[in-house]
Protein backbone atom coordinates (compact mmCIF):
# COMPACT_ATOMS: atom_id res chain seq x y z
CA MET A 1 173.71 128.77 23.61
CA ALA A 2 170.88 128.69 26.78
CA GLN A 3 169.23 131.53 28.00
CA GLU A 4 168.08 132.64 31.55
CA TYR A 5 164.57 133.48 32.54
CA ASP A 6 163.01 134.56 35.58
CA LEU A 7 159.71 132.95 34.04
CA VAL A 8 158.77 130.98 30.76
CA ILE A 9 155.40 130.09 29.88
CA LEU A 10 154.56 127.82 27.58
CA GLY A 11 151.25 128.65 25.45
CA GLY A 12 150.71 132.37 24.30
CA GLY A 13 147.22 132.18 24.50
CA THR A 14 144.82 134.76 26.61
CA GLY A 15 146.11 133.08 29.89
CA GLY A 16 149.63 132.78 28.79
CA TYR A 17 150.28 136.54 27.32
CA VAL A 18 148.11 137.99 30.11
CA ALA A 19 150.69 136.47 32.77
CA ALA A 20 153.69 137.56 30.75
CA ILE A 21 152.32 141.16 30.80
CA ARG A 22 152.00 141.15 34.43
CA ALA A 23 155.36 139.11 34.53
CA SER A 24 157.07 142.41 32.82
CA GLN A 25 155.16 144.71 34.82
CA LEU A 26 156.68 143.08 37.91
CA GLY A 27 160.11 143.16 36.81
CA LEU A 28 160.51 139.43 35.56
CA LYS A 29 162.59 138.51 32.87
CA THR A 30 160.08 136.51 30.73
CA ALA A 31 159.63 134.19 27.33
CA VAL A 32 156.56 133.01 25.69
CA VAL A 33 156.71 129.80 23.85
CA GLU A 34 154.00 129.54 21.57
CA LYS A 35 153.59 126.86 18.45
CA SER A 36 151.07 128.79 16.64
CA LYS A 37 149.76 132.27 16.86
CA LEU A 38 149.64 134.38 19.93
CA GLY A 39 146.23 134.50 20.99
CA GLY A 40 145.55 131.27 21.06
CA THR A 41 142.17 129.32 21.04
CA CYS A 42 140.36 132.44 22.14
CA LEU A 43 141.49 135.13 19.37
CA HIS A 44 142.23 132.57 16.66
CA LYS A 45 139.65 129.30 17.09
CA GLY A 46 137.16 130.62 19.75
CA CYS A 47 135.77 133.58 21.43
CA ILE A 48 136.40 136.36 18.86
CA PRO A 49 135.99 134.37 15.41
CA SER A 50 132.82 132.82 16.91
CA LYS A 51 131.75 136.23 18.44
CA ALA A 52 132.20 138.21 15.10
CA LEU A 53 130.03 135.17 13.09
CA LEU A 54 127.30 135.69 15.70
CA ARG A 55 127.41 139.29 15.12
CA SER A 56 126.95 138.81 11.56
CA ALA A 57 124.21 136.33 12.20
CA GLU A 58 122.24 139.01 14.40
CA VAL A 59 122.59 141.72 11.93
CA PHE A 60 120.99 139.46 9.28
CA HIS A 61 118.21 138.53 11.61
CA THR A 62 117.83 142.13 12.26
CA ALA A 63 117.35 143.17 8.95
CA LYS A 64 114.99 140.60 7.99
CA ARG A 65 113.00 141.94 10.67
CA GLY A 66 113.16 145.70 9.40
CA GLU A 67 109.27 146.17 8.28
CA GLU A 68 108.85 145.91 12.48
CA PHE A 69 111.15 149.37 12.81
CA GLY A 70 109.84 150.92 9.89
CA VAL A 71 112.79 150.16 7.77
CA VAL A 72 111.50 148.11 4.46
CA ILE A 73 114.51 146.27 3.01
CA PRO A 74 113.60 144.90 -0.55
CA GLU A 75 116.02 142.04 -0.49
CA VAL A 76 118.49 140.90 2.19
CA SER A 77 120.61 137.88 2.17
CA VAL A 78 123.86 136.94 3.37
CA ASN A 79 127.28 137.39 1.65
CA PHE A 80 129.08 134.49 3.66
CA PRO A 81 132.79 134.95 1.85
CA ARG A 82 132.48 138.36 3.30
CA VAL A 83 131.32 137.41 6.59
CA GLN A 84 134.14 135.25 7.05
CA GLU A 85 136.48 138.31 5.45
CA ARG A 86 135.13 140.45 8.26
CA LYS A 87 136.07 137.60 10.97
CA ASN A 88 139.53 137.11 9.96
CA SER A 89 139.95 141.11 9.60
CA ILE A 90 139.03 141.46 13.44
CA ILE A 91 141.42 138.68 14.29
CA ASP A 92 144.37 140.10 12.28
CA GLN A 93 143.75 143.32 13.86
CA LEU A 94 143.91 141.87 17.84
CA HIS A 95 146.69 139.30 16.65
CA LYS A 96 148.94 142.50 15.77
CA GLY A 97 147.82 143.91 18.89
CA VAL A 98 148.77 141.19 21.03
CA GLN A 99 152.35 141.23 19.21
CA HIS A 100 152.62 144.61 20.23
CA LEU A 101 152.01 144.13 23.86
CA MET A 102 154.57 141.70 23.71
CA LYS A 103 157.11 143.89 22.36
CA GLN A 104 156.34 146.70 24.55
CA GLY A 105 156.95 144.67 27.72
CA LYS A 106 160.05 143.34 26.41
CA ILE A 107 158.79 139.95 26.59
CA ASP A 108 160.61 137.24 24.42
CA VAL A 109 158.57 135.09 22.17
CA PHE A 110 159.63 131.81 20.61
CA GLU A 111 157.69 130.57 17.84
CA GLY A 112 158.22 126.68 18.32
CA THR A 113 156.89 123.68 20.60
CA GLY A 114 158.23 123.67 23.80
CA ARG A 115 158.82 120.73 26.40
CA ILE A 116 159.93 120.42 29.58
CA LEU A 117 162.88 118.63 30.47
CA GLY A 118 164.13 116.64 33.27
CA PRO A 119 167.13 117.21 35.47
CA SER A 120 170.02 117.81 33.34
CA ILE A 121 173.31 119.54 32.83
CA PHE A 122 171.04 122.95 32.60
CA SER A 123 169.73 122.70 36.18
CA PRO A 124 169.28 119.85 38.90
CA MET A 125 165.34 120.12 39.02
CA PRO A 126 163.15 119.80 35.78
CA GLY A 127 161.85 122.79 34.27
CA THR A 128 164.27 123.63 31.17
CA ILE A 129 162.49 124.16 28.57
CA SER A 130 163.63 122.96 24.88
CA VAL A 131 162.22 124.69 22.16
CA GLU A 132 161.56 123.08 18.88
CA MET A 133 161.63 126.02 16.46
CA ASN A 134 159.23 126.54 13.75
CA ASP A 135 161.74 127.65 11.04
CA GLY A 136 163.40 124.61 11.35
CA THR A 137 166.45 126.44 13.19
CA GLU A 138 168.50 124.51 15.74
CA ASN A 139 166.32 124.22 19.49
CA GLU A 140 166.60 126.98 21.67
CA MET A 141 167.15 125.95 25.25
CA LEU A 142 165.32 128.11 27.92
CA ILE A 143 166.49 127.82 31.62
CA PRO A 144 163.68 129.27 33.71
CA LYS A 145 163.35 130.25 37.64
CA ASN A 146 159.58 129.48 37.11
CA VAL A 147 157.31 127.88 34.47
CA ILE A 148 153.87 128.51 33.57
CA VAL A 149 151.96 125.71 31.61
CA ALA A 150 149.34 127.53 29.41
CA THR A 151 148.72 124.94 26.48
CA GLY A 152 144.98 125.48 26.64
CA SER A 153 142.56 122.81 25.05
CA ARG A 154 140.87 121.44 21.84
CA PRO A 155 137.80 120.13 21.03
CA ARG A 156 136.71 116.99 22.32
CA SER A 157 134.89 114.56 20.49
CA LEU A 158 132.93 111.06 21.24
CA PRO A 159 134.73 107.69 20.73
CA GLY A 160 133.99 106.48 17.22
CA LEU A 161 132.70 109.67 15.88
CA ASP A 162 135.88 111.06 14.25
CA ILE A 163 136.24 114.59 13.05
CA ASP A 164 136.84 114.31 9.03
CA GLY A 165 136.26 118.09 8.46
CA GLU A 166 133.97 117.39 5.67
CA PHE A 167 130.58 115.68 6.76
CA VAL A 168 131.81 115.50 10.71
CA LEU A 169 133.09 118.96 12.05
CA SER A 170 134.48 120.49 15.17
CA SER A 171 134.31 124.22 15.85
CA ASP A 172 137.42 124.72 14.37
CA GLU A 173 136.42 123.23 11.16
CA ALA A 174 132.88 125.09 11.45
CA LEU A 175 134.60 128.37 11.98
CA GLN A 176 136.40 127.71 8.66
CA LEU A 177 133.24 126.81 6.47
CA GLU A 178 133.40 128.89 2.66
CA GLN A 179 129.94 128.41 2.67
CA LEU A 180 126.81 127.78 5.00
CA PRO A 181 125.26 124.35 5.18
CA LYS A 182 121.46 124.18 4.51
CA SER A 183 120.97 121.72 7.47
CA ILE A 184 123.28 120.76 10.56
CA ILE A 185 122.99 118.62 13.62
CA ILE A 186 124.63 119.67 16.60
CA VAL A 187 125.81 117.00 19.24
CA GLY A 188 125.60 118.94 22.38
CA GLY A 189 123.66 121.45 23.98
CA GLY A 190 125.92 123.06 26.13
CA VAL A 191 127.32 126.71 26.11
CA ILE A 192 129.05 126.10 22.48
CA GLY A 193 126.58 124.13 20.87
CA ILE A 194 123.76 126.28 21.74
CA GLU A 195 126.08 129.50 20.44
CA TRP A 196 126.40 127.64 17.21
CA ALA A 197 122.57 126.49 17.03
CA SER A 198 121.61 130.20 17.52
CA MET A 199 124.29 131.97 14.81
CA LEU A 200 123.22 129.06 12.34
CA THR A 201 119.75 129.51 12.46
CA ASP A 202 119.66 133.28 12.43
CA PHE A 203 121.91 132.70 8.99
CA GLY A 204 118.73 130.33 7.81
CA VAL A 205 120.39 127.18 8.27
CA GLU A 206 118.33 124.17 9.55
CA VAL A 207 119.30 123.29 12.93
CA THR A 208 118.92 120.32 15.12
CA VAL A 209 120.18 120.07 18.43
CA VAL A 210 121.06 116.67 19.95
CA GLU A 211 121.78 116.63 23.97
CA TYR A 212 122.66 113.91 26.66
CA ALA A 213 121.51 115.89 29.50
CA ASP A 214 117.62 116.39 30.18
CA ARG A 215 118.08 120.05 29.32
CA ILE A 216 119.98 122.61 27.17
CA ILE A 217 122.79 124.50 28.88
CA PRO A 218 122.50 122.33 31.80
CA THR A 219 124.64 124.31 34.06
CA GLU A 220 123.07 126.96 33.80
CA ASP A 221 120.20 127.89 36.25
CA HIS A 222 117.23 125.48 35.57
CA GLU A 223 114.64 128.48 34.53
CA ILE A 224 117.38 129.63 31.96
CA SER A 225 117.87 126.81 30.38
CA LYS A 226 113.95 125.92 30.10
CA GLU A 227 113.57 129.85 28.73
CA MET A 228 116.51 129.04 26.34
CA GLN A 229 114.92 126.20 24.80
CA ARG A 230 111.55 127.75 24.67
CA LEU A 231 113.34 130.64 22.51
CA MET A 232 115.59 128.56 20.36
CA LYS A 233 112.56 126.30 19.49
CA LYS A 234 110.64 129.59 18.80
CA LYS A 235 113.56 130.33 15.97
CA GLY A 236 112.99 127.33 14.35
CA VAL A 237 115.71 125.33 16.16
CA LYS A 238 114.97 121.31 16.63
CA ILE A 239 116.01 120.36 20.19
CA THR A 240 116.10 116.66 21.65
CA THR A 241 117.32 115.85 25.02
CA GLY A 242 117.77 112.98 26.86
CA ALA A 243 119.51 111.44 23.76
CA LYS A 244 122.54 109.21 23.88
CA VAL A 245 124.07 109.61 20.32
CA LEU A 246 125.38 106.61 18.76
CA PRO A 247 128.37 106.56 17.07
CA GLU A 248 128.22 103.44 14.95
CA THR A 249 125.21 104.57 13.31
CA LEU A 250 126.88 107.52 11.58
CA ASN A 251 126.26 106.89 7.74
CA LYS A 252 128.07 109.32 5.27
CA GLY A 253 126.03 109.43 1.86
CA GLU A 254 125.56 111.72 -1.20
CA GLY A 255 125.69 114.94 0.24
CA GLU A 256 124.31 114.16 3.58
CA VAL A 257 124.83 112.50 6.66
CA SER A 258 122.87 110.66 9.31
CA ILE A 259 123.27 109.66 13.08
CA SER A 260 120.80 107.77 15.25
CA ALA A 261 120.36 108.39 19.34
CA GLU A 262 118.95 106.40 21.77
CA ILE A 263 116.20 108.03 23.56
CA LYS A 264 114.11 106.34 26.55
CA GLY A 265 115.07 103.04 24.76
CA ASP A 266 114.09 104.07 21.23
CA GLN A 267 116.23 104.98 18.56
CA LYS A 268 115.54 108.12 16.33
CA THR A 269 117.78 109.02 13.16
CA PHE A 270 118.70 112.48 12.12
CA THR A 271 120.10 113.39 8.83
CA ALA A 272 121.48 116.40 7.72
CA GLU A 273 124.41 118.10 5.52
CA LYS A 274 126.87 118.16 8.08
CA ILE A 275 127.25 117.36 11.95
CA LEU A 276 128.96 119.67 14.27
CA VAL A 277 130.32 118.00 17.62
CA SER A 278 130.03 120.17 20.59
CA VAL A 279 130.74 118.06 23.45
CA GLY A 280 133.52 119.99 25.60
CA ARG A 281 137.07 120.26 25.13
CA GLN A 282 140.02 118.26 25.95
CA ALA A 283 143.53 119.77 28.00
CA ASN A 284 146.68 120.03 25.49
CA THR A 285 149.07 117.88 28.02
CA GLU A 286 150.80 115.75 25.52
CA ASN A 287 154.14 116.22 24.24
CA ILE A 288 155.14 119.17 26.52
CA GLY A 289 157.24 116.93 28.68
CA ILE A 290 154.74 116.29 31.56
CA GLU A 291 156.24 112.45 32.01
CA ASN A 292 159.84 114.11 32.80
CA THR A 293 158.23 116.06 35.85
CA ASP A 294 156.22 115.03 39.36
CA ILE A 295 153.38 116.95 38.07
CA VAL A 296 150.09 115.08 38.64
CA ILE A 297 147.61 114.59 35.72
CA GLU A 298 143.81 114.01 37.24
CA LYS A 299 140.75 113.34 34.87
CA GLY A 300 142.76 114.80 32.02
CA PHE A 301 143.71 117.67 33.68
CA VAL A 302 146.87 119.31 35.38
CA LYS A 303 146.18 119.20 39.19
CA VAL A 304 147.31 122.46 40.70
CA ASN A 305 146.52 123.98 44.21
CA ASN A 306 145.20 127.22 44.95
CA TYR A 307 147.88 129.47 43.70
CA PHE A 308 148.41 127.11 40.45
CA GLN A 309 151.22 125.43 41.41
CA THR A 310 151.62 121.68 40.53
CA LYS A 311 153.25 119.14 42.52
CA GLU A 312 156.61 120.58 41.33
CA SER A 313 156.36 124.32 43.07
CA HIS A 314 158.14 126.07 40.27
CA ILE A 315 155.91 124.71 37.70
CA TYR A 316 152.50 126.45 37.61
CA ALA A 317 149.65 125.63 35.24
CA ILE A 318 146.63 127.99 34.45
CA GLY A 319 143.86 127.90 31.59
CA ASP A 320 142.03 125.22 30.29
CA VAL A 321 144.75 122.81 30.59
CA ILE A 322 143.88 122.71 34.82
CA GLY A 323 139.95 122.06 33.73
CA GLY A 324 137.50 123.98 35.74
CA LEU A 325 135.72 126.96 34.19
CA GLN A 326 137.36 127.00 30.45
CA LEU A 327 136.93 130.53 30.31
CA ALA A 328 139.50 133.45 28.39
CA HIS A 329 138.79 135.56 31.30
CA VAL A 330 139.22 133.04 34.15
CA ALA A 331 142.52 131.95 32.20
CA SER A 332 143.82 135.47 32.26
CA HIS A 333 143.01 136.11 36.02
CA GLU A 334 144.40 132.62 37.12
CA GLY A 335 147.48 133.87 34.98
CA ILE A 336 147.84 136.85 36.94
CA THR A 337 147.43 135.16 40.41
CA ALA A 338 150.35 132.54 39.48
CA VAL A 339 152.65 135.26 38.45
CA GLU A 340 152.11 137.29 41.57
CA HIS A 341 152.76 134.34 43.82
CA ILE A 342 155.82 133.71 41.81
CA ALA A 343 156.62 137.35 42.79
CA ASN A 344 155.77 136.82 46.44
CA GLU A 345 152.91 139.55 46.09
CA ASN A 346 150.59 137.31 48.27
CA PRO A 347 147.52 137.53 45.95
CA HIS A 348 144.10 135.91 47.34
CA PRO A 349 143.18 132.62 45.86
CA MET A 350 140.46 132.81 43.22
CA ASP A 351 136.86 132.29 44.12
CA TYR A 352 134.95 130.87 41.13
CA THR A 353 131.83 131.43 42.57
CA MET A 354 132.70 135.35 41.78
CA VAL A 355 133.13 134.47 38.10
CA SER A 356 130.70 135.95 35.37
CA LYS A 357 129.73 133.80 32.79
CA CYS A 358 128.32 134.40 29.45
CA ILE A 359 126.40 132.69 26.51
CA TYR A 360 126.55 134.84 23.41
CA SER A 361 123.73 133.35 21.83
CA ASN A 362 120.57 135.26 20.40
CA PRO A 363 119.02 135.59 23.04
CA GLU A 364 122.17 135.97 25.20
CA VAL A 365 122.79 134.69 29.01
CA GLY A 366 125.05 135.89 31.73
CA SER A 367 125.30 134.41 34.86
CA VAL A 368 127.39 134.58 38.06
CA GLY A 369 127.14 132.84 41.60
CA TYR A 370 124.89 129.89 42.54
CA THR A 371 121.80 128.72 40.66
CA GLU A 372 118.71 128.30 42.66
CA GLN A 373 119.06 124.36 42.89
CA GLU A 374 122.98 124.90 43.80
CA ALA A 375 122.16 127.30 46.66
CA LYS A 376 119.46 124.86 48.19
CA ASP A 377 122.15 121.92 48.03
CA LYS A 378 124.49 123.97 49.49
CA GLY A 379 121.72 124.50 52.70
CA PHE A 380 121.04 127.92 51.99
CA ASN A 381 117.57 129.14 52.79
CA VAL A 382 116.65 130.89 49.46
CA LYS A 383 114.56 133.41 48.24
CA THR A 384 114.31 134.70 44.41
CA GLY A 385 113.31 137.62 42.85
CA LYS A 386 112.50 137.43 38.88
CA PHE A 387 111.78 140.43 36.35
CA SER A 388 110.74 140.19 32.73
CA PHE A 389 112.19 142.41 29.72
CA ARG A 390 108.68 142.67 28.80
CA ALA A 391 108.26 145.44 31.37
CA ILE A 392 111.26 147.33 30.12
CA GLY A 393 110.81 150.09 27.79
CA LYS A 394 114.43 150.10 26.29
CA ALA A 395 114.00 145.92 25.48
CA LEU A 396 110.64 147.01 23.68
CA VAL A 397 112.40 149.88 22.05
CA PHE A 398 115.01 147.20 20.79
CA GLY A 399 112.16 144.86 19.94
CA GLU A 400 113.70 142.16 21.91
CA SER A 401 111.78 141.58 25.25
CA ASP A 402 111.94 137.97 25.72
CA GLY A 403 113.77 137.02 28.75
CA PHE A 404 114.34 138.18 32.30
CA VAL A 405 116.50 138.75 35.43
CA LYS A 406 116.68 136.55 38.08
CA ILE A 407 118.14 136.92 41.67
CA VAL A 408 118.91 134.38 43.98
CA ALA A 409 119.54 135.41 47.47
CA ASP A 410 119.91 134.06 51.21
CA LYS A 411 116.99 134.90 53.05
CA ASP A 412 118.86 134.84 56.50
CA THR A 413 121.62 137.02 55.60
CA ASN A 414 120.10 139.00 52.81
CA ASP A 415 123.09 138.51 50.85
CA ILE A 416 122.93 137.88 47.13
CA LEU A 417 123.88 134.31 46.13
CA GLY A 418 123.46 134.32 42.51
CA VAL A 419 122.30 136.09 39.42
CA HIS A 420 120.92 134.75 36.11
CA MET A 421 119.78 136.64 33.35
CA ILE A 422 118.52 135.97 29.65
CA GLY A 423 117.55 138.40 27.19
CA PRO A 424 118.91 141.54 25.22
CA HIS A 425 122.74 142.40 25.84
CA VAL A 426 122.61 140.37 29.16
CA THR A 427 126.51 139.51 28.65
CA ASP A 428 127.24 143.39 29.15
CA MET A 429 124.93 143.83 31.86
CA ILE A 430 126.43 140.86 33.95
CA SER A 431 129.25 142.82 35.35
CA GLU A 432 127.24 144.76 37.85
CA ALA A 433 126.00 141.57 39.17
CA GLY A 434 129.55 140.29 39.39
CA LEU A 435 130.50 143.32 41.16
CA ALA A 436 127.60 143.07 43.66
CA ARG A 437 128.99 139.28 44.64
CA VAL A 438 132.42 140.77 44.93
CA LEU A 439 131.05 143.46 47.65
CA ASP A 440 128.85 140.98 48.83
CA ALA A 441 125.75 143.29 48.50
CA THR A 442 122.12 142.53 49.18
CA PRO A 443 119.22 142.84 47.07
CA TRP A 444 118.25 146.22 49.02
CA GLU A 445 121.75 147.81 47.99
CA VAL A 446 121.19 146.68 44.21
CA ALA A 447 117.51 148.22 44.30
CA ASN A 448 118.70 151.14 45.79
CA THR A 449 121.34 151.90 42.89
CA ILE A 450 119.42 154.19 40.75
CA HIS A 451 119.57 152.66 37.03
CA PRO A 452 119.12 155.34 34.48
CA HIS A 453 115.84 155.07 32.50
CA PRO A 454 115.54 153.82 29.67
CA THR A 455 117.76 151.09 29.88
CA LEU A 456 117.81 147.27 30.01
CA SER A 457 119.76 147.47 33.33
CA GLU A 458 116.64 148.69 34.79
CA ALA A 459 115.69 144.88 34.86
CA ILE A 460 118.33 144.23 37.76
CA GLY A 461 117.09 146.66 40.02
CA GLU A 462 113.52 145.47 39.45
CA ALA A 463 114.24 141.87 40.16
CA ALA A 464 116.56 143.12 43.24
CA LEU A 465 113.25 144.69 44.37
CA ALA A 466 111.45 141.53 43.37
CA VAL A 467 113.58 139.39 45.98
CA ASP A 468 111.22 141.14 49.01
CA GLY A 469 108.22 141.60 46.72
CA LYS A 470 108.89 145.48 45.97
CA ALA A 471 108.90 145.46 42.28
CA ILE A 472 107.34 148.52 40.76
CA HIS A 473 106.56 147.64 37.15
CA SER A 474 105.52 143.95 37.61
């Protein structure tokens, strides 16, 4: 028998399940269709597992430096199966939490593959969802007034560089490694590539990063990229930029793999035990019934308006499947905005320049707003302030004093345009800068926020003072 809903959400990842909870709060009868596990990529193949591994790598790296802190540890080693056990236990705990939230919100969860049907006996408009159940039982028919497509994304590869799970890995396979390789080539020096480079080198793996652009993490402020490259090389990571990988040169041998790249007209060959391909993610738009609708796919992503409506006004799309900032917290807020629009709550459209972005490498990176170059390109009269963690007492106590906080401001209005940080625990500090952006704050206002001493956050206050040449400890 067909079941009727106010809202059916295709995909139970971070965007999907958060949207479902908000819909439940607003009194909408809601269902989620998930073909794998609630929590999606972020919980099972992305944010959480990778950060669990990064934390273990950080602890190992710190333990090896124990004598710097007066702590003598005779022998330190990695028990990688135990590292993986810890990661899996964290995932299991959080997965149970999401399942509980669905029950608490009286949200129906269908475990199977959902497809959007065209006009049919169930509805004169496209949007009925046929669910092919994982347990092999008869398909369920869901008749919603509204649909949210939140099917997420998967790792992208390069044409000809096929993921085989043995020599050539995506992040999905890398997260399931049973033992650490002695060496690895990471193709791609973006956010995910640098997180893996940091993690693996802290675990003692010999890491080589090959990046097509002229700098790693190219979407970050130029000074952040430069500092990250310096610190990664200091850790022992080999980095080659301006390199076009040639998939046809891939060669798999006895326990090793090699590949060549074109660099300024020359070819260079790289050899390691494994290759990790980290060149972005592609939207999951196949086999969900898009062809049965008027939904527009543009450059591989679902096209939406400011409220995440597709060309079919009752069908919305959020998260990685629409491109843009492919971040879990972005998907969540997109989901909330979409649901509130469905419920006539008049939400504000999202301003993506207000979104804080994080890289969880060691050192960490946090940023919000425009980079210095972006601000100049948009015609702003720019002034900047920068303050090093080397002058911050808490950073010296931590034994992590590399990095800095940089603030980009408008000379004419004194508004903060962007904040960029690299250093210890900056992913936990960037929200202060995010709030400053939301409140349209000036450097003077941030500087006059009394930052407690000794804390790492003092660097934000000092950088704000530095914008007008008034930093105290520089």
